[in-house]
Amino acid sequence: MVGHIAFSPIKINNQDSKWVGLAPISVDPKHQNNGIGNKLINEGLDRVRMLNYAGVVVLSDMDCFERFGFNNKPNLEIHEEPHKDTYAVSLNAMPPEGKISVHSAFSRRAWGYSLSSTYN
């Protein structure tokens, strides 16, 4: 395996949503800078779109997600406060606002630290 991407359901304002979080994404260092990450993201977004999800949220300190249509959404709350490195891409809905919760199995790994509320 040279690369991996995962999407998981998220809640917005403690409500089920048709949004997913993107995390993690990885490419084996020996295969980086060959477009594999781009292909994983593009294919992943296509599949999320085919499954009729409203959009995707990602927490990243890299602005590279903008080239895939993601926009910075610092008003989204993660860990009880807005986070400047939150990006979202709408596939068929208005961008979300409020507090994001992920399933507890993904909270630390997907967002880099524990969230105060988790998806139950």
C-alpha atoms as a PDB file:
ATOM      1  CA  MET A   1       0.000   0.000   0.000  1.00  0.00           C
ATOM      2  CA  VAL A   2       1.405   3.406  -0.942  1.00  0.00           C
ATOM      3  CA  GLY A   3      -1.420   5.648   0.265  1.00  0.00           C
ATOM      4  CA  HIS A   4      -4.546   5.833   2.393  1.00  0.00           C
ATOM      5  CA  ILE A   5      -7.469   8.207   2.898  1.00  0.00           C
ATOM      6  CA  ALA A   6     -10.441   7.920   5.246  1.00  0.00           C
ATOM      7  CA  PHE A   7     -13.728   9.735   5.678  1.00  0.00           C
ATOM      8  CA  SER A   8     -16.028   9.356   8.677  1.00  0.00           C
ATOM      9  CA  PRO A   9     -19.414  10.808   9.658  1.00  0.00           C
ATOM     10  CA  ILE A  10     -19.460  13.916  11.823  1.00  0.00           C
ATOM     11  CA  LYS A  11     -22.113  15.648  13.868  1.00  0.00           C
ATOM     12  CA  ILE A  12     -22.653  19.379  13.640  1.00  0.00           C
ATOM     13  CA  ASN A  13     -24.070  21.064  16.734  1.00  0.00           C
ATOM     14  CA  ASN A  14     -24.681  17.581  18.203  1.00  0.00           C
ATOM     15  CA  GLN A  15     -26.994  16.716  15.289  1.00  0.00           C
ATOM     16  CA  ASP A  16     -26.481  13.979  12.741  1.00  0.00           C
ATOM     17  CA  SER A  17     -25.368  15.511   9.486  1.00  0.00           C
ATOM     18  CA  LYS A  18     -24.718  14.523   5.910  1.00  0.00           C
ATOM     19  CA  TRP A  19     -21.150  15.795   6.343  1.00  0.00           C
ATOM     20  CA  VAL A  20     -17.985  13.749   6.782  1.00  0.00           C
ATOM     21  CA  GLY A  21     -14.559  14.471   8.162  1.00  0.00           C
ATOM     22  CA  LEU A  22     -11.467  13.720   6.109  1.00  0.00           C
ATOM     23  CA  ALA A  23      -8.685  12.142   8.161  1.00  0.00           C
ATOM     24  CA  PRO A  24      -6.250  10.649   7.955  1.00  0.00           C
ATOM     25  CA  ILE A  25      -4.593  10.899   4.589  1.00  0.00           C
ATOM     26  CA  SER A  26      -1.124   9.503   4.109  1.00  0.00           C
ATOM     27  CA  VAL A  27       1.311   8.576   1.369  1.00  0.00           C
ATOM     28  CA  ASP A  28       4.388   6.433   1.866  1.00  0.00           C
ATOM     29  CA  PRO A  29       7.360   8.844   1.884  1.00  0.00           C
ATOM     30  CA  LYS A  30       9.018   6.854  -0.915  1.00  0.00           C
ATOM     31  CA  HIS A  31       6.028   7.634  -3.138  1.00  0.00           C
ATOM     32  CA  GLN A  32       5.338  11.258  -2.197  1.00  0.00           C
ATOM     33  CA  ASN A  33       5.404  14.068  -4.764  1.00  0.00           C
ATOM     34  CA  ASN A  34       4.040  11.792  -7.476  1.00  0.00           C
ATOM     35  CA  GLY A  35       0.409  12.952  -7.339  1.00  0.00           C
ATOM     36  CA  ILE A  36      -0.846  10.053  -5.215  1.00  0.00           C
ATOM     37  CA  GLY A  37      -2.228  12.333  -2.487  1.00  0.00           C
ATOM     38  CA  ASN A  38      -4.027  14.420  -5.122  1.00  0.00           C
ATOM     39  CA  LYS A  39      -5.545  11.285  -6.641  1.00  0.00           C
ATOM     40  CA  LEU A  40      -6.657  10.011  -3.231  1.00  0.00           C
ATOM     41  CA  ILE A  41      -8.378  13.297  -2.411  1.00  0.00           C
ATOM     42  CA  ASN A  42     -10.023  13.666  -5.828  1.00  0.00           C
ATOM     43  CA  GLU A  43     -11.250  10.057  -5.882  1.00  0.00           C
ATOM     44  CA  GLY A  44     -12.386  10.330  -2.258  1.00  0.00           C
ATOM     45  CA  LEU A  45     -14.375  13.489  -2.947  1.00  0.00           C
ATOM     46  CA  ASP A  46     -15.958  11.834  -5.999  1.00  0.00           C
ATOM     47  CA  ARG A  47     -17.062   8.863  -3.906  1.00  0.00           C
ATOM     48  CA  VAL A  48     -18.373  11.050  -1.081  1.00  0.00           C
ATOM     49  CA  ARG A  49     -20.341  13.017  -3.692  1.00  0.00           C
ATOM     50  CA  MET A  50     -21.755   9.787  -5.211  1.00  0.00           C
ATOM     51  CA  LEU A  51     -22.937   8.760  -1.732  1.00  0.00           C
ATOM     52  CA  ASN A  52     -24.874  12.060  -1.514  1.00  0.00           C
ATOM     53  CA  TYR A  53     -22.990  13.556   1.400  1.00  0.00           C
ATOM     54  CA  ALA A  54     -23.362  17.309   1.788  1.00  0.00           C
ATOM     55  CA  GLY A  55     -19.671  18.015   2.165  1.00  0.00           C
ATOM     56  CA  VAL A  56     -16.339  17.357   3.805  1.00  0.00           C
ATOM     57  CA  VAL A  57     -14.519  19.021   6.707  1.00  0.00           C
ATOM     58  CA  VAL A  58     -10.797  18.733   7.370  1.00  0.00           C
ATOM     59  CA  LEU A  59      -8.516  20.136  10.042  1.00  0.00           C
ATOM     60  CA  SER A  60      -5.137  20.939   8.551  1.00  0.00           C
ATOM     61  CA  ASP A  61      -2.436  23.526   8.956  1.00  0.00           C
ATOM     62  CA  MET A  62      -1.716  23.216   5.234  1.00  0.00           C
ATOM     63  CA  ASP A  63      -3.653  25.350   2.773  1.00  0.00           C
ATOM     64  CA  CYS A  64      -3.164  22.706   0.057  1.00  0.00           C
ATOM     65  CA  PHE A  65      -6.805  21.657   0.457  1.00  0.00           C
ATOM     66  CA  GLU A  66      -7.912  24.899  -1.196  1.00  0.00           C
ATOM     67  CA  ARG A  67      -6.983  23.525  -4.628  1.00  0.00           C
ATOM     68  CA  PHE A  68      -9.638  20.834  -4.114  1.00  0.00           C
ATOM     69  CA  GLY A  69     -12.353  23.403  -3.423  1.00  0.00           C
ATOM     70  CA  PHE A  70     -12.001  23.567   0.349  1.00  0.00           C
ATOM     71  CA  ASN A  71     -12.423  26.980   1.953  1.00  0.00           C
ATOM     72  CA  ASN A  72     -11.096  28.079   5.305  1.00  0.00           C
ATOM     73  CA  LYS A  73     -13.918  27.980   7.871  1.00  0.00           C
ATOM     74  CA  PRO A  74     -12.422  29.294  11.107  1.00  0.00           C
ATOM     75  CA  ASN A  75     -15.939  29.714  12.556  1.00  0.00           C
ATOM     76  CA  LEU A  76     -16.326  25.938  12.935  1.00  0.00           C
ATOM     77  CA  GLU A  77     -15.768  24.983  16.560  1.00  0.00           C
ATOM     78  CA  ILE A  78     -13.426  22.175  17.406  1.00  0.00           C
ATOM     79  CA  HIS A  79     -12.488  21.613  21.020  1.00  0.00           C
ATOM     80  CA  GLU A  80     -14.920  24.295  22.249  1.00  0.00           C
ATOM     81  CA  GLU A  81     -13.395  27.082  20.183  1.00  0.00           C
ATOM     82  CA  PRO A  82     -13.167  28.116  16.559  1.00  0.00           C
ATOM     83  CA  HIS A  83     -10.087  26.702  14.898  1.00  0.00           C
ATOM     84  CA  LYS A  84      -8.196  28.725  12.303  1.00  0.00           C
ATOM     85  CA  ASP A  85      -7.102  25.605  10.414  1.00  0.00           C
ATOM     86  CA  THR A  86     -10.556  24.188   9.637  1.00  0.00           C
ATOM     87  CA  TYR A  87     -11.487  23.789   5.978  1.00  0.00           C
ATOM     88  CA  ALA A  88     -14.734  22.643   4.373  1.00  0.00           C
ATOM     89  CA  VAL A  89     -15.950  21.891   0.874  1.00  0.00           C
ATOM     90  CA  SER A  90     -19.682  21.873   0.148  1.00  0.00           C
ATOM     91  CA  LEU A  91     -20.816  19.243  -2.321  1.00  0.00           C
ATOM     92  CA  ASN A  92     -24.551  19.981  -2.307  1.00  0.00           C
ATOM     93  CA  ALA A  93     -25.364  22.130   0.733  1.00  0.00           C
ATOM     94  CA  MET A  94     -24.560  25.364   2.504  1.00  0.00           C
ATOM     95  CA  PRO A  95     -21.286  25.275   4.467  1.00  0.00           C
ATOM     96  CA  PRO A  96     -21.755  24.195   8.076  1.00  0.00           C
ATOM     97  CA  GLU A  97     -21.487  26.469  11.073  1.00  0.00           C
ATOM     98  CA  GLY A  98     -21.099  25.558  14.692  1.00  0.00           C
ATOM     99  CA  LYS A  99     -19.488  22.748  16.632  1.00  0.00           C
ATOM    100  CA  ILE A 100     -18.063  19.641  14.998  1.00  0.00           C
ATOM    101  CA  SER A 101     -18.066  16.276  16.767  1.00  0.00           C
ATOM    102  CA  VAL A 102     -16.477  13.102  15.461  1.00  0.00           C
ATOM    103  CA  HIS A 103     -16.957   9.517  16.582  1.00  0.00           C
ATOM    104  CA  SER A 104     -14.849   8.881  19.681  1.00  0.00           C
ATOM    105  CA  ALA A 105     -12.834   6.255  17.789  1.00  0.00           C
ATOM    106  CA  PHE A 106     -11.505   9.025  15.547  1.00  0.00           C
ATOM    107  CA  SER A 107     -11.315  12.047  17.812  1.00  0.00           C
ATOM    108  CA  ARG A 108      -7.658  11.960  18.790  1.00  0.00           C
ATOM    109  CA  ARG A 109      -6.317  10.531  15.558  1.00  0.00           C
ATOM    110  CA  ALA A 110      -8.422  12.552  13.152  1.00  0.00           C
ATOM    111  CA  TRP A 111      -8.120  15.958  14.783  1.00  0.00           C
ATOM    112  CA  GLY A 112      -4.836  15.690  16.630  1.00  0.00           C
ATOM    113  CA  TYR A 113      -6.253  16.109  20.138  1.00  0.00           C
ATOM    114  CA  SER A 114      -9.222  15.115  22.251  1.00  0.00           C
ATOM    115  CA  LEU A 115     -12.531  16.796  21.508  1.00  0.00           C
ATOM    116  CA  SER A 116     -14.715  17.811  24.417  1.00  0.00           C
ATOM    117  CA  SER A 117     -17.800  16.234  22.881  1.00  0.00           C
ATOM    118  CA  THR A 118     -17.858  13.151  20.766  1.00  0.00           C
ATOM    119  CA  TYR A 119     -20.179  11.517  18.314  1.00  0.00           C
ATOM    120  CA  ASN A 120     -22.175   8.831  20.148  1.00  0.00           C
END
